[in-house]
Amino acid sequence: MHPVTLRGTSPGGAAEIGFWMDAAARGNGYMGEAARVVVDFGFSRSLSLARIEWRAIVGNVASARTARSLGFRYEGLVRRGLSDLRGRHDGWIAGILPTDDLAPQPWPVLPD
């Protein structure tokens, strides 16, 4: 398992959450638990973030399901907005605000 990261954390600003887990450790809910702690910390008095964003390359359904389970709201497609060692890719973007209802919302890119 790799750590959950929160990048761009200026108090009152926006940050981006990132997470990755080895395939052998997936399916146990550990990532959701760890990411929930990070989101809660981002919205705590320590950071008082106004917004946390999540992004993933289109097709990363496991990451999208985790983000949705945390209460992130799907916001759209970022064309060629993400890059990795293979090049530039279209990406999904979602966000969460400290005032959002944390109940999972429908995402048009995920089956129910």
Protein backbone atom coordinates (compact mmCIF):
# COMPACT_ATOMS: atom_id res chain seq x y z
CA MET A 1 0.00 0.00 0.00
CA HIS A 2 1.17 3.50 -0.74
CA PRO A 3 0.23 6.60 1.20
CA VAL A 4 -2.74 8.81 0.54
CA THR A 5 -1.47 12.27 -0.37
CA LEU A 6 -2.98 15.72 -0.15
CA ARG A 7 -1.16 18.21 -2.39
CA GLY A 8 -1.44 21.99 -2.48
CA THR A 9 -2.57 22.49 1.09
CA SER A 10 -2.64 26.21 1.74
CA PRO A 11 -5.10 27.08 4.53
CA GLY A 12 -8.46 28.12 3.12
CA GLY A 13 -7.47 26.98 -0.36
CA ALA A 14 -7.96 23.90 -2.49
CA ALA A 15 -5.94 20.68 -2.49
CA GLU A 16 -5.82 17.51 -4.56
CA ILE A 17 -6.08 14.06 -3.03
CA GLY A 18 -4.16 11.18 -4.54
CA PHE A 19 -4.04 7.51 -3.66
CA TRP A 20 -2.75 4.23 -5.03
CA MET A 21 -2.83 0.72 -3.67
CA ASP A 22 -1.09 -2.47 -4.71
CA ALA A 23 -3.49 -4.88 -6.41
CA ALA A 24 -2.92 -7.54 -3.75
CA ALA A 25 -4.28 -5.23 -1.02
CA ARG A 26 -7.37 -3.99 -2.88
CA GLY A 27 -10.94 -4.89 -2.05
CA ASN A 28 -10.74 -4.66 1.74
CA GLY A 29 -11.83 -1.05 2.22
CA TYR A 30 -8.45 0.10 3.51
CA MET A 31 -8.06 2.84 0.91
CA GLY A 32 -11.48 4.28 1.67
CA GLU A 33 -10.67 4.36 5.38
CA ALA A 34 -7.30 6.01 4.87
CA ALA A 35 -8.65 8.54 2.37
CA ARG A 36 -11.52 9.45 4.72
CA VAL A 37 -8.99 10.37 7.42
CA VAL A 38 -7.09 12.57 4.95
CA VAL A 39 -10.28 14.31 3.73
CA ASP A 40 -11.39 14.92 7.32
CA PHE A 41 -7.98 16.37 8.15
CA GLY A 42 -8.14 18.66 5.09
CA PHE A 43 -11.43 20.10 6.29
CA SER A 44 -10.37 20.27 9.96
CA ARG A 45 -9.39 23.50 11.69
CA SER A 46 -5.75 22.58 11.02
CA LEU A 47 -6.09 23.22 7.27
CA SER A 48 -9.62 24.57 6.77
CA LEU A 49 -9.54 23.75 3.06
CA ALA A 50 -12.35 25.19 0.95
CA ARG A 51 -12.24 22.29 -1.53
CA ILE A 52 -10.53 18.97 -2.22
CA GLU A 53 -10.23 17.67 -5.78
CA TRP A 54 -9.78 14.14 -7.05
CA ARG A 55 -8.55 13.31 -10.56
CA ALA A 56 -7.90 10.03 -12.34
CA ILE A 57 -7.24 8.84 -15.86
CA VAL A 58 -10.49 7.91 -17.61
CA GLY A 59 -11.23 4.26 -16.95
CA ASN A 60 -9.79 4.07 -13.43
CA VAL A 61 -13.06 2.77 -12.04
CA ALA A 62 -11.63 1.54 -8.73
CA SER A 63 -10.33 5.01 -7.87
CA ALA A 64 -13.58 6.62 -8.99
CA ARG A 65 -15.60 4.27 -6.77
CA THR A 66 -13.44 5.14 -3.80
CA ALA A 67 -13.83 8.87 -4.45
CA ARG A 68 -17.60 8.53 -4.87
CA SER A 69 -17.85 6.54 -1.62
CA LEU A 70 -16.13 9.44 0.19
CA GLY A 71 -18.74 11.92 -1.04
CA PHE A 72 -16.85 13.44 -3.96
CA ARG A 73 -19.12 14.84 -6.69
CA TYR A 74 -18.28 14.06 -10.32
CA GLU A 75 -17.60 17.35 -12.10
CA GLY A 76 -16.51 16.34 -15.57
CA LEU A 77 -13.83 15.41 -18.04
CA VAL A 78 -10.44 17.12 -18.28
CA ARG A 79 -9.29 16.56 -21.85
CA ARG A 80 -5.63 15.52 -21.95
CA GLY A 81 -5.42 16.97 -18.47
CA LEU A 82 -3.43 14.19 -16.82
CA SER A 83 -0.05 12.72 -17.64
CA ASP A 84 2.00 9.69 -16.74
CA LEU A 85 5.00 7.91 -18.25
CA ARG A 86 2.88 6.92 -21.27
CA GLY A 87 1.91 10.50 -22.14
CA ARG A 88 -1.15 12.74 -21.77
CA HIS A 89 -4.59 11.33 -21.02
CA ASP A 90 -8.17 12.45 -20.59
CA GLY A 91 -9.11 12.52 -16.93
CA TRP A 92 -12.12 12.50 -14.68
CA ILE A 93 -12.39 15.23 -12.06
CA ALA A 94 -14.49 15.37 -8.91
CA GLY A 95 -14.59 17.65 -5.91
CA ILE A 96 -15.84 17.81 -2.37
CA LEU A 97 -16.60 20.82 -0.18
CA PRO A 98 -16.69 20.83 3.61
CA THR A 99 -20.44 21.54 3.48
CA ASP A 100 -21.29 18.68 1.09
CA ASP A 101 -23.52 15.79 2.09
CA LEU A 102 -21.12 12.85 2.22
CA ALA A 103 -23.66 10.33 0.94
CA PRO A 104 -22.46 8.86 -2.37
CA GLN A 105 -24.02 10.64 -5.35
CA PRO A 106 -24.61 9.18 -8.82
CA TRP A 107 -21.68 9.52 -11.20
CA PRO A 108 -22.54 9.32 -14.92
CA VAL A 109 -19.27 7.49 -15.67
CA LEU A 110 -19.89 4.69 -13.16
CA PRO A 111 -22.50 1.96 -13.23
CA ASP A 112 -24.81 1.99 -10.21
